[in-house]
């Protein structure tokens, strides 16, 4: 089985590290330095892919922007290997847009894989992943050790992730308004927001608060 990851950015790096922990994979990114850094820093079995490799792979994990996925499929879906499975991981790409590409190449399988979470948390907490589409069971088997997998409508992930982001931004801005009169150094303000505010949100979410929380 030949697996290729398209995109070695923030989220792509997490996907690459997981998949490469299981077997050798191919990775394609226009910035080849990103791939070399991953290979050296984590000693991963990664091979640098050529653009042509994208059309001769069994599983193509697309970890790029929604516009990038759409643009690639518009131009190249007819060139993909028969029987290949394209796994889209761009949260903002809706089912209506993604699954439409099936009509242009019925021999290709399309799977939506949407993560509930922030890329910085993926290696700290077990992730939650929604899968939908052709061959979702096979993709689930590949990703089974990465976190909890649900066969559910993936479009809701964009909605609930977006709402969580809005609420988090609101909490940060509200907190900034409360502490502005302290005239704190920037690094102190950052520590307060990232360590205390964000840390309390995480602890409260899983009912793991300490005595200081109860006293407050």
N, C-alpha and C. Protein backbone atom coordinates (compact mmCIF):
# COMPACT_ATOMS: atom_id res chain seq x y z
N UNK A 1 0.84 -1.19 0.00
CA UNK A 1 0.00 0.00 0.00
C UNK A 1 0.88 1.25 0.00
N UNK A 2 0.61 2.14 -0.91
CA UNK A 2 1.40 3.35 -1.05
C UNK A 2 0.59 4.53 -0.50
N UNK A 3 1.16 5.21 0.49
CA UNK A 3 0.48 6.33 1.13
C UNK A 3 1.28 7.61 0.93
N UNK A 4 0.58 8.67 0.56
CA UNK A 4 1.23 9.96 0.33
C UNK A 4 0.46 11.05 1.05
N UNK A 5 1.20 11.92 1.72
CA UNK A 5 0.60 13.08 2.38
C UNK A 5 0.96 14.32 1.57
N UNK A 6 -0.06 15.06 1.18
CA UNK A 6 0.13 16.32 0.47
C UNK A 6 -0.02 17.46 1.46
N UNK A 7 1.10 18.10 1.80
CA UNK A 7 1.09 19.20 2.75
C UNK A 7 1.84 18.87 4.02
N UNK A 8 2.88 19.66 4.31
CA UNK A 8 3.69 19.42 5.51
C UNK A 8 3.68 20.64 6.42
N UNK A 9 2.52 21.29 6.49
CA UNK A 9 2.38 22.45 7.36
C UNK A 9 2.09 22.04 8.79
N UNK A 10 1.38 22.89 9.52
CA UNK A 10 1.15 22.63 10.94
C UNK A 10 0.34 21.35 11.16
N UNK A 11 -0.82 21.25 10.53
CA UNK A 11 -1.63 20.05 10.68
C UNK A 11 -1.01 18.88 9.93
N UNK A 12 -0.45 19.17 8.76
CA UNK A 12 0.18 18.12 7.97
C UNK A 12 1.30 17.42 8.71
N UNK A 13 2.06 18.18 9.49
CA UNK A 13 3.16 17.59 10.25
C UNK A 13 2.65 16.56 11.25
N UNK A 14 1.50 16.84 11.87
CA UNK A 14 0.92 15.89 12.83
C UNK A 14 0.47 14.62 12.12
N UNK A 15 -0.16 14.79 10.96
CA UNK A 15 -0.60 13.63 10.18
C UNK A 15 0.60 12.80 9.74
N UNK A 16 1.64 13.48 9.27
CA UNK A 16 2.85 12.79 8.81
C UNK A 16 3.49 12.00 9.93
N UNK A 17 3.61 12.61 11.11
CA UNK A 17 4.25 11.92 12.23
C UNK A 17 3.48 10.67 12.64
N UNK A 18 2.15 10.75 12.59
CA UNK A 18 1.37 9.56 12.93
C UNK A 18 1.53 8.47 11.87
N UNK A 19 1.31 8.81 10.61
CA UNK A 19 1.36 7.81 9.55
C UNK A 19 2.75 7.20 9.42
N UNK A 20 3.78 8.02 9.57
CA UNK A 20 5.16 7.53 9.43
C UNK A 20 5.56 6.67 10.62
N UNK A 21 4.83 6.76 11.72
CA UNK A 21 5.13 5.89 12.86
C UNK A 21 4.67 4.46 12.59
N UNK A 22 3.84 4.29 11.55
CA UNK A 22 3.32 2.97 11.20
C UNK A 22 4.09 2.33 10.05
N UNK A 23 4.50 3.17 9.10
CA UNK A 23 5.15 2.63 7.90
C UNK A 23 5.77 3.78 7.12
N UNK A 24 6.60 3.45 6.16
CA UNK A 24 7.20 4.48 5.31
C UNK A 24 6.11 5.16 4.48
N UNK A 25 6.19 6.47 4.37
CA UNK A 25 5.22 7.21 3.57
C UNK A 25 5.95 8.19 2.66
N UNK A 26 5.23 8.65 1.67
CA UNK A 26 5.71 9.71 0.79
C UNK A 26 5.09 11.03 1.23
N UNK A 27 5.83 12.11 1.10
CA UNK A 27 5.31 13.42 1.46
C UNK A 27 5.65 14.40 0.35
N UNK A 28 4.64 15.18 -0.04
CA UNK A 28 4.87 16.22 -1.05
C UNK A 28 4.50 17.58 -0.48
N UNK A 29 5.42 18.52 -0.60
CA UNK A 29 5.16 19.90 -0.23
C UNK A 29 6.07 20.76 -1.09
N UNK A 30 5.56 21.89 -1.52
CA UNK A 30 6.38 22.78 -2.35
C UNK A 30 7.63 23.24 -1.62
N UNK A 31 7.51 23.36 -0.30
CA UNK A 31 8.66 23.73 0.53
C UNK A 31 9.31 22.44 1.04
N UNK A 32 10.28 21.94 0.30
CA UNK A 32 10.91 20.66 0.65
C UNK A 32 11.67 20.74 1.96
N UNK A 33 12.06 21.93 2.39
CA UNK A 33 12.78 22.07 3.65
C UNK A 33 11.95 21.59 4.83
N UNK A 34 10.63 21.80 4.76
CA UNK A 34 9.75 21.34 5.84
C UNK A 34 9.85 19.82 6.02
N UNK A 35 9.92 19.13 4.90
CA UNK A 35 9.98 17.67 4.93
C UNK A 35 11.32 17.21 5.50
N UNK A 36 12.38 17.87 5.08
CA UNK A 36 13.71 17.50 5.57
C UNK A 36 13.82 17.72 7.08
N UNK A 37 13.20 18.79 7.57
CA UNK A 37 13.21 19.06 9.01
C UNK A 37 12.51 17.94 9.77
N UNK A 38 11.36 17.51 9.26
CA UNK A 38 10.62 16.42 9.90
C UNK A 38 11.44 15.13 9.91
N UNK A 39 12.08 14.83 8.80
CA UNK A 39 12.88 13.61 8.70
C UNK A 39 14.01 13.60 9.73
N UNK A 40 14.69 14.73 9.86
CA UNK A 40 15.85 14.80 10.75
C UNK A 40 15.44 14.91 12.21
N UNK A 41 14.43 15.75 12.48
CA UNK A 41 14.06 16.01 13.87
C UNK A 41 13.42 14.80 14.53
N UNK A 42 12.64 14.03 13.77
CA UNK A 42 11.91 12.92 14.37
C UNK A 42 12.37 11.55 13.85
N UNK A 43 13.38 11.54 12.99
CA UNK A 43 13.92 10.29 12.43
C UNK A 43 12.80 9.43 11.85
N UNK A 44 11.98 10.03 11.02
CA UNK A 44 10.82 9.35 10.46
C UNK A 44 11.14 8.72 9.10
N UNK A 45 10.50 7.58 8.80
CA UNK A 45 10.69 6.94 7.49
C UNK A 45 9.87 7.65 6.41
N UNK A 46 10.36 8.81 6.00
CA UNK A 46 9.67 9.64 5.02
C UNK A 46 10.50 9.71 3.74
N UNK A 47 9.82 9.60 2.62
CA UNK A 47 10.49 9.80 1.34
C UNK A 47 9.90 11.03 0.66
N UNK A 48 10.75 11.83 0.11
CA UNK A 48 10.33 13.02 -0.61
C UNK A 48 9.63 12.60 -1.90
N UNK A 49 8.39 13.05 -2.07
CA UNK A 49 7.61 12.66 -3.25
C UNK A 49 7.79 13.69 -4.37
N UNK A 50 7.68 13.20 -5.58
CA UNK A 50 7.62 14.10 -6.73
C UNK A 50 6.16 14.39 -7.02
N UNK A 51 5.90 15.37 -7.85
CA UNK A 51 4.52 15.69 -8.20
C UNK A 51 3.85 14.51 -8.90
N UNK A 52 4.61 13.78 -9.69
CA UNK A 52 4.06 12.62 -10.40
C UNK A 52 3.60 11.53 -9.44
N UNK A 53 4.23 11.45 -8.27
CA UNK A 53 3.84 10.43 -7.29
C UNK A 53 2.39 10.60 -6.82
N UNK A 54 1.87 11.82 -6.91
CA UNK A 54 0.49 12.07 -6.49
C UNK A 54 -0.51 11.25 -7.29
N UNK A 55 -0.12 10.86 -8.49
CA UNK A 55 -1.04 10.15 -9.38
C UNK A 55 -0.80 8.64 -9.39
N UNK A 56 0.05 8.18 -8.49
CA UNK A 56 0.34 6.75 -8.42
C UNK A 56 0.40 6.30 -6.97
N UNK A 57 -0.59 6.73 -6.19
CA UNK A 57 -0.63 6.36 -4.78
C UNK A 57 -1.99 5.77 -4.44
N UNK A 58 -2.01 4.89 -3.45
CA UNK A 58 -3.27 4.25 -3.05
C UNK A 58 -4.08 5.13 -2.12
N UNK A 59 -3.39 5.82 -1.21
CA UNK A 59 -4.06 6.73 -0.28
C UNK A 59 -3.38 8.10 -0.35
N UNK A 60 -4.18 9.10 -0.70
CA UNK A 60 -3.68 10.46 -0.80
C UNK A 60 -4.34 11.30 0.29
N UNK A 61 -3.58 11.60 1.34
CA UNK A 61 -4.07 12.44 2.43
C UNK A 61 -3.78 13.89 2.09
N UNK A 62 -4.83 14.67 1.91
CA UNK A 62 -4.67 16.07 1.52
C UNK A 62 -4.82 16.95 2.75
N UNK A 63 -3.67 17.46 3.22
CA UNK A 63 -3.66 18.28 4.44
C UNK A 63 -3.21 19.68 4.05
N UNK A 64 -4.02 20.28 3.19
CA UNK A 64 -3.78 21.64 2.71
C UNK A 64 -5.08 22.41 2.86
N UNK A 65 -5.09 23.65 2.41
CA UNK A 65 -6.29 24.47 2.56
C UNK A 65 -7.44 23.92 1.72
N UNK A 66 -8.66 24.33 2.08
CA UNK A 66 -9.83 23.91 1.31
C UNK A 66 -9.72 24.36 -0.15
N UNK A 67 -9.24 25.57 -0.36
CA UNK A 67 -9.06 26.07 -1.73
C UNK A 67 -8.00 25.25 -2.46
N UNK A 68 -6.97 24.84 -1.73
CA UNK A 68 -5.92 24.03 -2.34
C UNK A 68 -6.43 22.67 -2.77
N UNK A 69 -7.26 22.05 -1.93
CA UNK A 69 -7.85 20.75 -2.28
C UNK A 69 -8.74 20.89 -3.51
N UNK A 70 -9.61 21.88 -3.48
CA UNK A 70 -10.53 22.10 -4.60
C UNK A 70 -9.77 22.36 -5.90
N UNK A 71 -8.76 23.22 -5.82
CA UNK A 71 -7.99 23.54 -7.02
C UNK A 71 -7.28 22.33 -7.59
N UNK A 72 -6.71 21.50 -6.71
CA UNK A 72 -6.01 20.30 -7.17
C UNK A 72 -6.97 19.33 -7.84
N UNK A 73 -8.11 19.08 -7.19
CA UNK A 73 -9.06 18.11 -7.74
C UNK A 73 -9.69 18.61 -9.04
N UNK A 74 -9.95 19.90 -9.12
CA UNK A 74 -10.51 20.45 -10.36
C UNK A 74 -9.58 20.17 -11.54
N UNK A 75 -8.30 20.24 -11.29
CA UNK A 75 -7.33 20.11 -12.38
C UNK A 75 -6.85 18.68 -12.60
N UNK A 76 -6.83 17.87 -11.52
CA UNK A 76 -6.12 16.60 -11.63
C UNK A 76 -6.91 15.34 -11.27
N UNK A 77 -8.16 15.45 -10.86
CA UNK A 77 -8.83 14.24 -10.37
C UNK A 77 -8.91 13.14 -11.42
N UNK A 78 -9.00 13.49 -12.67
CA UNK A 78 -9.08 12.48 -13.73
C UNK A 78 -7.76 11.73 -13.91
N UNK A 79 -6.68 12.29 -13.37
CA UNK A 79 -5.36 11.67 -13.53
C UNK A 79 -5.00 10.74 -12.38
N UNK A 80 -5.82 10.71 -11.33
CA UNK A 80 -5.49 9.89 -10.17
C UNK A 80 -5.61 8.40 -10.48
N UNK A 81 -4.86 7.62 -9.76
CA UNK A 81 -4.81 6.18 -9.96
C UNK A 81 -6.19 5.55 -9.73
N UNK A 82 -6.66 4.68 -10.62
CA UNK A 82 -7.94 4.00 -10.39
C UNK A 82 -7.93 3.23 -9.07
N UNK A 83 -8.97 3.42 -8.27
CA UNK A 83 -9.05 2.77 -6.98
C UNK A 83 -8.40 3.55 -5.85
N UNK A 84 -7.75 4.67 -6.19
CA UNK A 84 -7.11 5.48 -5.16
C UNK A 84 -8.16 6.09 -4.22
N UNK A 85 -7.76 6.31 -2.98
CA UNK A 85 -8.63 6.95 -2.00
C UNK A 85 -8.05 8.31 -1.63
N UNK A 86 -8.84 9.35 -1.88
CA UNK A 86 -8.44 10.72 -1.55
C UNK A 86 -9.08 11.07 -0.21
N UNK A 87 -8.24 11.42 0.75
CA UNK A 87 -8.73 11.77 2.09
C UNK A 87 -8.53 13.27 2.30
N UNK A 88 -9.63 14.00 2.33
CA UNK A 88 -9.55 15.44 2.58
C UNK A 88 -9.59 15.71 4.07
N UNK A 89 -8.63 16.52 4.55
CA UNK A 89 -8.58 16.87 5.97
C UNK A 89 -8.74 18.37 6.20
N UNK A 90 -9.13 19.10 5.15
CA UNK A 90 -9.39 20.53 5.28
C UNK A 90 -10.77 20.72 5.90
N UNK A 91 -10.82 21.23 7.11
CA UNK A 91 -12.08 21.33 7.85
C UNK A 91 -13.12 22.18 7.12
N UNK A 92 -12.67 23.22 6.43
CA UNK A 92 -13.61 24.18 5.83
C UNK A 92 -14.20 23.73 4.50
N UNK A 93 -13.78 22.57 3.97
CA UNK A 93 -14.30 22.11 2.69
C UNK A 93 -15.56 21.27 2.92
N UNK A 94 -16.74 21.78 2.52
CA UNK A 94 -18.00 21.07 2.79
C UNK A 94 -18.19 19.86 1.89
N UNK A 95 -19.06 18.96 2.35
CA UNK A 95 -19.35 17.75 1.58
C UNK A 95 -19.85 18.05 0.18
N UNK A 96 -20.72 19.04 0.07
CA UNK A 96 -21.31 19.37 -1.23
C UNK A 96 -20.24 19.67 -2.27
N UNK A 97 -19.20 20.38 -1.85
CA UNK A 97 -18.13 20.72 -2.78
C UNK A 97 -17.19 19.55 -3.02
N UNK A 98 -16.86 18.81 -1.96
CA UNK A 98 -15.87 17.74 -2.08
C UNK A 98 -16.41 16.54 -2.84
N UNK A 99 -17.58 16.05 -2.45
CA UNK A 99 -18.09 14.83 -3.06
C UNK A 99 -18.58 15.04 -4.49
N UNK A 100 -18.74 16.29 -4.90
CA UNK A 100 -19.10 16.60 -6.29
C UNK A 100 -18.06 16.06 -7.26
N UNK A 101 -16.80 16.00 -6.81
CA UNK A 101 -15.73 15.57 -7.70
C UNK A 101 -15.85 14.10 -8.10
N UNK A 102 -16.67 13.35 -7.39
CA UNK A 102 -16.86 11.94 -7.72
C UNK A 102 -17.39 11.78 -9.15
N UNK A 103 -18.18 12.72 -9.61
CA UNK A 103 -18.77 12.61 -10.94
C UNK A 103 -17.71 12.70 -12.05
N UNK A 104 -16.55 13.26 -11.73
CA UNK A 104 -15.50 13.42 -12.73
C UNK A 104 -14.54 12.23 -12.79
N UNK A 105 -14.58 11.40 -11.75
CA UNK A 105 -13.76 10.19 -11.75
C UNK A 105 -14.38 9.19 -10.79
N UNK A 106 -15.24 8.34 -11.31
CA UNK A 106 -15.97 7.39 -10.47
C UNK A 106 -15.09 6.26 -9.96
N UNK A 107 -13.88 6.16 -10.47
CA UNK A 107 -12.97 5.09 -10.03
C UNK A 107 -12.14 5.50 -8.82
N UNK A 108 -12.32 6.73 -8.37
CA UNK A 108 -11.59 7.23 -7.20
C UNK A 108 -12.53 7.30 -6.00
N UNK A 109 -12.03 6.92 -4.84
CA UNK A 109 -12.81 6.98 -3.60
C UNK A 109 -12.53 8.30 -2.89
N UNK A 110 -13.57 8.90 -2.33
CA UNK A 110 -13.43 10.17 -1.63
C UNK A 110 -13.88 10.02 -0.18
N UNK A 111 -13.02 10.47 0.73
CA UNK A 111 -13.32 10.38 2.16
C UNK A 111 -13.05 11.74 2.81
N UNK A 112 -14.01 12.19 3.60
CA UNK A 112 -13.81 13.37 4.43
C UNK A 112 -13.31 12.91 5.80
N UNK A 113 -12.24 13.53 6.29
CA UNK A 113 -11.69 13.21 7.61
C UNK A 113 -11.49 14.53 8.35
N UNK A 114 -12.36 14.82 9.28
CA UNK A 114 -12.33 16.11 9.97
C UNK A 114 -11.99 15.92 11.45
N UNK A 115 -11.01 16.68 11.89
CA UNK A 115 -10.53 16.59 13.27
C UNK A 115 -11.19 17.66 14.13
N UNK A 116 -11.69 17.25 15.28
CA UNK A 116 -12.18 18.21 16.26
C UNK A 116 -11.01 18.54 17.18
N UNK A 117 -10.48 19.74 17.03
CA UNK A 117 -9.34 20.09 17.87
C UNK A 117 -8.45 21.12 17.21
N UNK A 118 -7.45 21.53 17.96
CA UNK A 118 -6.45 22.50 17.52
C UNK A 118 -5.15 21.75 17.28
N UNK A 119 -4.43 22.16 16.23
CA UNK A 119 -3.24 21.39 15.86
C UNK A 119 -2.21 21.32 16.99
N UNK A 120 -2.16 22.34 17.86
CA UNK A 120 -1.19 22.32 18.95
C UNK A 120 -1.54 21.30 20.03
N UNK A 121 -2.79 20.84 20.02
CA UNK A 121 -3.23 19.90 21.05
C UNK A 121 -3.19 18.45 20.57
N UNK A 122 -2.93 18.23 19.30
CA UNK A 122 -3.06 16.88 18.74
C UNK A 122 -2.12 15.87 19.37
N UNK A 123 -0.95 16.33 19.81
CA UNK A 123 0.01 15.40 20.40
C UNK A 123 -0.08 15.38 21.92
N UNK A 124 -0.99 16.18 22.48
CA UNK A 124 -1.15 16.23 23.93
C UNK A 124 -2.40 15.49 24.39
N UNK A 125 -3.43 15.52 23.57
CA UNK A 125 -4.70 14.90 23.92
C UNK A 125 -5.12 13.92 22.82
N UNK A 126 -5.84 12.85 23.17
CA UNK A 126 -6.38 11.96 22.14
C UNK A 126 -7.33 12.76 21.24
N UNK A 127 -7.13 12.67 19.94
CA UNK A 127 -7.98 13.46 19.06
C UNK A 127 -9.31 12.77 18.79
N UNK A 128 -10.25 13.55 18.31
CA UNK A 128 -11.55 13.03 17.89
C UNK A 128 -11.68 13.31 16.40
N UNK A 129 -12.03 12.28 15.65
CA UNK A 129 -12.03 12.37 14.19
C UNK A 129 -13.36 11.87 13.64
N UNK A 130 -13.97 12.66 12.75
CA UNK A 130 -15.20 12.26 12.07
C UNK A 130 -14.83 11.84 10.65
N UNK A 131 -15.36 10.69 10.21
CA UNK A 131 -15.12 10.19 8.86
C UNK A 131 -16.43 10.01 8.12
N UNK A 132 -16.38 10.28 6.81
CA UNK A 132 -17.56 10.12 5.97
C UNK A 132 -17.12 9.89 4.53
N UNK A 133 -17.82 8.99 3.82
CA UNK A 133 -17.52 8.78 2.41
C UNK A 133 -17.12 7.36 2.07
N UNK A 134 -16.70 7.17 0.80
CA UNK A 134 -16.26 5.86 0.33
C UNK A 134 -15.04 5.40 1.14
N UNK A 135 -14.98 4.12 1.40
CA UNK A 135 -13.79 3.52 2.04
C UNK A 135 -13.49 4.13 3.40
N UNK A 136 -14.49 4.67 4.07
CA UNK A 136 -14.21 5.27 5.38
C UNK A 136 -13.73 4.22 6.39
N UNK A 137 -14.19 2.98 6.23
CA UNK A 137 -13.75 1.92 7.14
C UNK A 137 -12.26 1.65 6.98
N UNK A 138 -11.79 1.65 5.74
CA UNK A 138 -10.36 1.41 5.49
C UNK A 138 -9.51 2.56 6.03
N UNK A 139 -10.01 3.78 5.86
CA UNK A 139 -9.28 4.94 6.39
C UNK A 139 -9.28 4.90 7.92
N UNK A 140 -10.40 4.49 8.50
CA UNK A 140 -10.47 4.36 9.95
C UNK A 140 -9.45 3.35 10.46
N UNK A 141 -9.25 2.29 9.70
CA UNK A 141 -8.27 1.27 10.10
C UNK A 141 -6.86 1.84 10.10
N UNK A 142 -6.57 2.71 9.14
CA UNK A 142 -5.25 3.34 9.07
C UNK A 142 -5.05 4.29 10.25
N UNK A 143 -6.10 5.00 10.64
CA UNK A 143 -6.00 6.04 11.67
C UNK A 143 -6.43 5.58 13.05
N UNK A 144 -6.71 4.29 13.22
CA UNK A 144 -7.36 3.80 14.44
C UNK A 144 -6.59 4.08 15.72
N UNK A 145 -5.27 4.14 15.66
CA UNK A 145 -4.47 4.37 16.87
C UNK A 145 -4.22 5.84 17.15
N UNK A 146 -4.75 6.70 16.31
CA UNK A 146 -4.50 8.14 16.45
C UNK A 146 -5.49 8.80 17.40
N UNK A 147 -6.67 8.21 17.55
CA UNK A 147 -7.67 8.81 18.42
C UNK A 147 -9.00 8.10 18.28
N UNK A 148 -10.04 8.76 18.74
CA UNK A 148 -11.40 8.21 18.69
C UNK A 148 -12.04 8.57 17.36
N UNK A 149 -12.55 7.57 16.66
CA UNK A 149 -13.11 7.79 15.32
C UNK A 149 -14.61 7.55 15.33
N UNK A 150 -15.33 8.47 14.68
CA UNK A 150 -16.78 8.35 14.54
C UNK A 150 -17.15 8.44 13.07
N UNK A 151 -18.09 7.60 12.65
CA UNK A 151 -18.65 7.71 11.30
C UNK A 151 -19.87 8.62 11.41
N UNK A 152 -19.63 9.91 11.23
CA UNK A 152 -20.68 10.91 11.40
C UNK A 152 -20.57 11.96 10.31
N UNK A 153 -21.60 12.78 10.20
CA UNK A 153 -21.60 13.86 9.21
C UNK A 153 -20.45 14.81 9.52
N UNK A 154 -19.56 14.96 8.56
CA UNK A 154 -18.34 15.73 8.81
C UNK A 154 -18.54 17.24 8.70
N UNK A 155 -19.60 17.68 8.05
CA UNK A 155 -19.82 19.13 7.91
C UNK A 155 -20.00 19.82 9.25
N UNK A 156 -20.49 19.10 10.26
CA UNK A 156 -20.72 19.75 11.54
C UNK A 156 -19.41 20.11 12.24
N UNK A 157 -18.31 19.47 11.84
CA UNK A 157 -17.02 19.76 12.49
C UNK A 157 -16.63 21.22 12.27
N UNK A 158 -16.82 21.70 11.05
CA UNK A 158 -16.50 23.10 10.75
C UNK A 158 -17.35 24.03 11.62
N UNK A 159 -18.60 23.67 11.81
CA UNK A 159 -19.51 24.51 12.59
C UNK A 159 -19.11 24.54 14.07
N UNK A 160 -18.85 23.35 14.64
CA UNK A 160 -18.57 23.33 16.08
C UNK A 160 -17.15 23.80 16.39
N UNK A 161 -16.19 23.50 15.49
CA UNK A 161 -14.85 24.06 15.68
C UNK A 161 -14.89 25.58 15.61
N UNK A 162 -15.67 26.08 14.63
CA UNK A 162 -15.78 27.53 14.47
C UNK A 162 -16.39 28.20 15.68
N UNK A 163 -17.42 27.57 16.24
CA UNK A 163 -18.06 28.14 17.43
C UNK A 163 -17.10 28.13 18.62
N UNK A 164 -16.33 27.05 18.75
CA UNK A 164 -15.36 26.98 19.84
C UNK A 164 -14.29 28.07 19.70
N UNK A 165 -13.86 28.31 18.47
CA UNK A 165 -12.87 29.37 18.22
C UNK A 165 -13.44 30.73 18.60
N UNK A 166 -14.69 30.99 18.21
CA UNK A 166 -15.32 32.28 18.54
C UNK A 166 -15.40 32.48 20.05
N UNK A 167 -15.79 31.43 20.76
CA UNK A 167 -15.92 31.54 22.21
C UNK A 167 -14.56 31.74 22.87
N UNK A 168 -13.54 31.08 22.34
CA UNK A 168 -12.19 31.22 22.89
C UNK A 168 -11.67 32.64 22.68
N UNK A 169 -11.88 33.18 21.48
CA UNK A 169 -11.45 34.55 21.20
C UNK A 169 -12.18 35.53 22.11
N UNK A 170 -13.48 35.30 22.30
CA UNK A 170 -14.27 36.16 23.17
C UNK A 170 -13.73 36.14 24.60
N UNK A 171 -13.37 34.95 25.08
CA UNK A 171 -12.84 34.82 26.44
C UNK A 171 -11.51 35.56 26.59
N UNK A 172 -10.65 35.44 25.57
CA UNK A 172 -9.35 36.12 25.62
C UNK A 172 -9.53 37.63 25.61
N UNK A 173 -10.38 38.13 24.72
CA UNK A 173 -10.59 39.58 24.64
C UNK A 173 -11.23 40.11 25.92
N UNK A 174 -12.13 39.33 26.49
CA UNK A 174 -12.77 39.73 27.75
C UNK A 174 -11.72 39.82 28.86
N UNK A 175 -10.83 38.83 28.90
CA UNK A 175 -9.78 38.82 29.92
C UNK A 175 -8.82 39.99 29.74
N UNK A 176 -8.47 40.28 28.50
CA UNK A 176 -7.57 41.41 28.23
C UNK A 176 -8.17 42.71 28.76
N UNK A 177 -9.48 42.86 28.60
CA UNK A 177 -10.14 44.06 29.09
C UNK A 177 -10.08 44.18 30.60
N UNK A 178 -10.08 43.06 31.29
CA UNK A 178 -10.05 43.06 32.75
C UNK A 178 -8.66 43.35 33.31
N UNK A 179 -7.62 43.02 32.57
CA UNK A 179 -6.26 43.15 33.12
C UNK A 179 -5.50 44.34 32.55
N UNK A 180 -6.13 45.11 31.66
CA UNK A 180 -5.41 46.19 31.00
C UNK A 180 -4.84 47.21 31.99
N UNK A 181 -5.55 47.44 33.09
CA UNK A 181 -5.10 48.46 34.05
C UNK A 181 -3.88 48.01 34.85
N UNK A 182 -3.53 46.71 34.80
CA UNK A 182 -2.33 46.25 35.49
C UNK A 182 -1.06 46.60 34.72
N UNK A 183 -1.20 46.95 33.45
CA UNK A 183 -0.05 47.31 32.60
C UNK A 183 1.04 46.23 32.66
N UNK A 184 0.65 45.02 32.42
CA UNK A 184 1.57 43.89 32.50
C UNK A 184 2.52 43.85 31.31
N UNK A 185 3.76 43.39 31.54
CA UNK A 185 4.65 43.13 30.40
C UNK A 185 4.01 42.11 29.46
N UNK A 186 4.35 42.18 28.19
CA UNK A 186 3.71 41.33 27.19
C UNK A 186 3.88 39.85 27.51
N UNK A 187 5.07 39.44 27.97
CA UNK A 187 5.28 38.02 28.24
C UNK A 187 4.46 37.55 29.44
N UNK A 188 4.21 38.45 30.40
CA UNK A 188 3.38 38.10 31.55
C UNK A 188 1.92 37.95 31.10
N UNK A 189 1.47 38.86 30.26
CA UNK A 189 0.10 38.77 29.74
C UNK A 189 -0.09 37.47 28.96
N UNK A 190 0.92 37.13 28.14
CA UNK A 190 0.83 35.90 27.35
C UNK A 190 0.77 34.67 28.26
N UNK A 191 1.59 34.66 29.31
CA UNK A 191 1.58 33.54 30.25
C UNK A 191 0.22 33.42 30.94
N UNK A 192 -0.35 34.56 31.29
CA UNK A 192 -1.65 34.56 31.96
C UNK A 192 -2.73 33.98 31.05
N UNK A 193 -2.71 34.40 29.79
CA UNK A 193 -3.73 33.96 28.85
C UNK A 193 -3.55 32.50 28.44
N UNK A 194 -2.31 32.11 28.17
CA UNK A 194 -2.06 30.75 27.68
C UNK A 194 -2.05 29.72 28.80
N UNK A 195 -1.45 30.08 29.92
CA UNK A 195 -1.29 29.10 30.99
C UNK A 195 -2.48 29.06 31.94
N UNK A 196 -2.93 30.24 32.38
CA UNK A 196 -4.01 30.26 33.36
C UNK A 196 -5.38 30.17 32.69
N UNK A 197 -5.65 31.08 31.76
CA UNK A 197 -6.97 31.08 31.12
C UNK A 197 -7.19 29.81 30.30
N UNK A 198 -6.27 29.53 29.37
CA UNK A 198 -6.43 28.35 28.52
C UNK A 198 -6.34 27.06 29.34
N UNK A 199 -5.42 27.04 30.31
CA UNK A 199 -5.27 25.86 31.15
C UNK A 199 -6.51 25.57 31.98
N UNK A 200 -7.13 26.64 32.49
CA UNK A 200 -8.35 26.46 33.28
C UNK A 200 -9.50 25.96 32.41
N UNK A 201 -9.59 26.49 31.19
CA UNK A 201 -10.63 26.01 30.26
C UNK A 201 -10.48 24.52 30.01
N UNK A 202 -9.24 24.08 29.77
CA UNK A 202 -9.00 22.66 29.51
C UNK A 202 -9.32 21.80 30.73
N UNK A 203 -8.89 22.27 31.90
CA UNK A 203 -9.13 21.49 33.12
C UNK A 203 -10.62 21.42 33.45
N UNK A 204 -11.30 22.55 33.30
CA UNK A 204 -12.73 22.59 33.61
C UNK A 204 -13.53 21.70 32.65
N UNK A 205 -13.08 21.65 31.39
CA UNK A 205 -13.78 20.86 30.38
C UNK A 205 -13.80 19.37 30.73
N UNK A 206 -12.76 18.91 31.42
CA UNK A 206 -12.67 17.48 31.77
C UNK A 206 -12.84 17.26 33.27
N UNK A 207 -13.36 18.28 33.96
CA UNK A 207 -13.64 18.18 35.40
C UNK A 207 -12.39 17.79 36.18
N UNK A 208 -11.29 18.48 35.87
CA UNK A 208 -10.02 18.18 36.53
C UNK A 208 -9.45 19.45 37.17
N UNK A 209 -10.29 20.14 37.91
CA UNK A 209 -9.87 21.39 38.54
C UNK A 209 -9.34 21.12 39.95
N UNK A 210 -8.47 22.02 40.41
CA UNK A 210 -7.85 21.85 41.72
C UNK A 210 -8.47 22.73 42.78
N UNK A 211 -7.87 22.74 43.97
CA UNK A 211 -8.42 23.51 45.08
C UNK A 211 -8.42 25.02 44.83
N UNK A 212 -7.42 25.52 44.08
CA UNK A 212 -7.39 26.96 43.81
C UNK A 212 -8.63 27.38 43.03
N UNK A 213 -9.02 26.54 42.06
CA UNK A 213 -10.23 26.82 41.28
C UNK A 213 -11.45 26.89 42.19
N UNK A 214 -11.55 25.95 43.11
CA UNK A 214 -12.70 25.92 44.02
C UNK A 214 -12.72 27.13 44.95
N UNK A 215 -11.53 27.58 45.37
CA UNK A 215 -11.45 28.75 46.24
C UNK A 215 -11.88 30.01 45.51
N UNK A 216 -11.49 30.12 44.24
CA UNK A 216 -11.85 31.29 43.44
C UNK A 216 -13.35 31.31 43.21
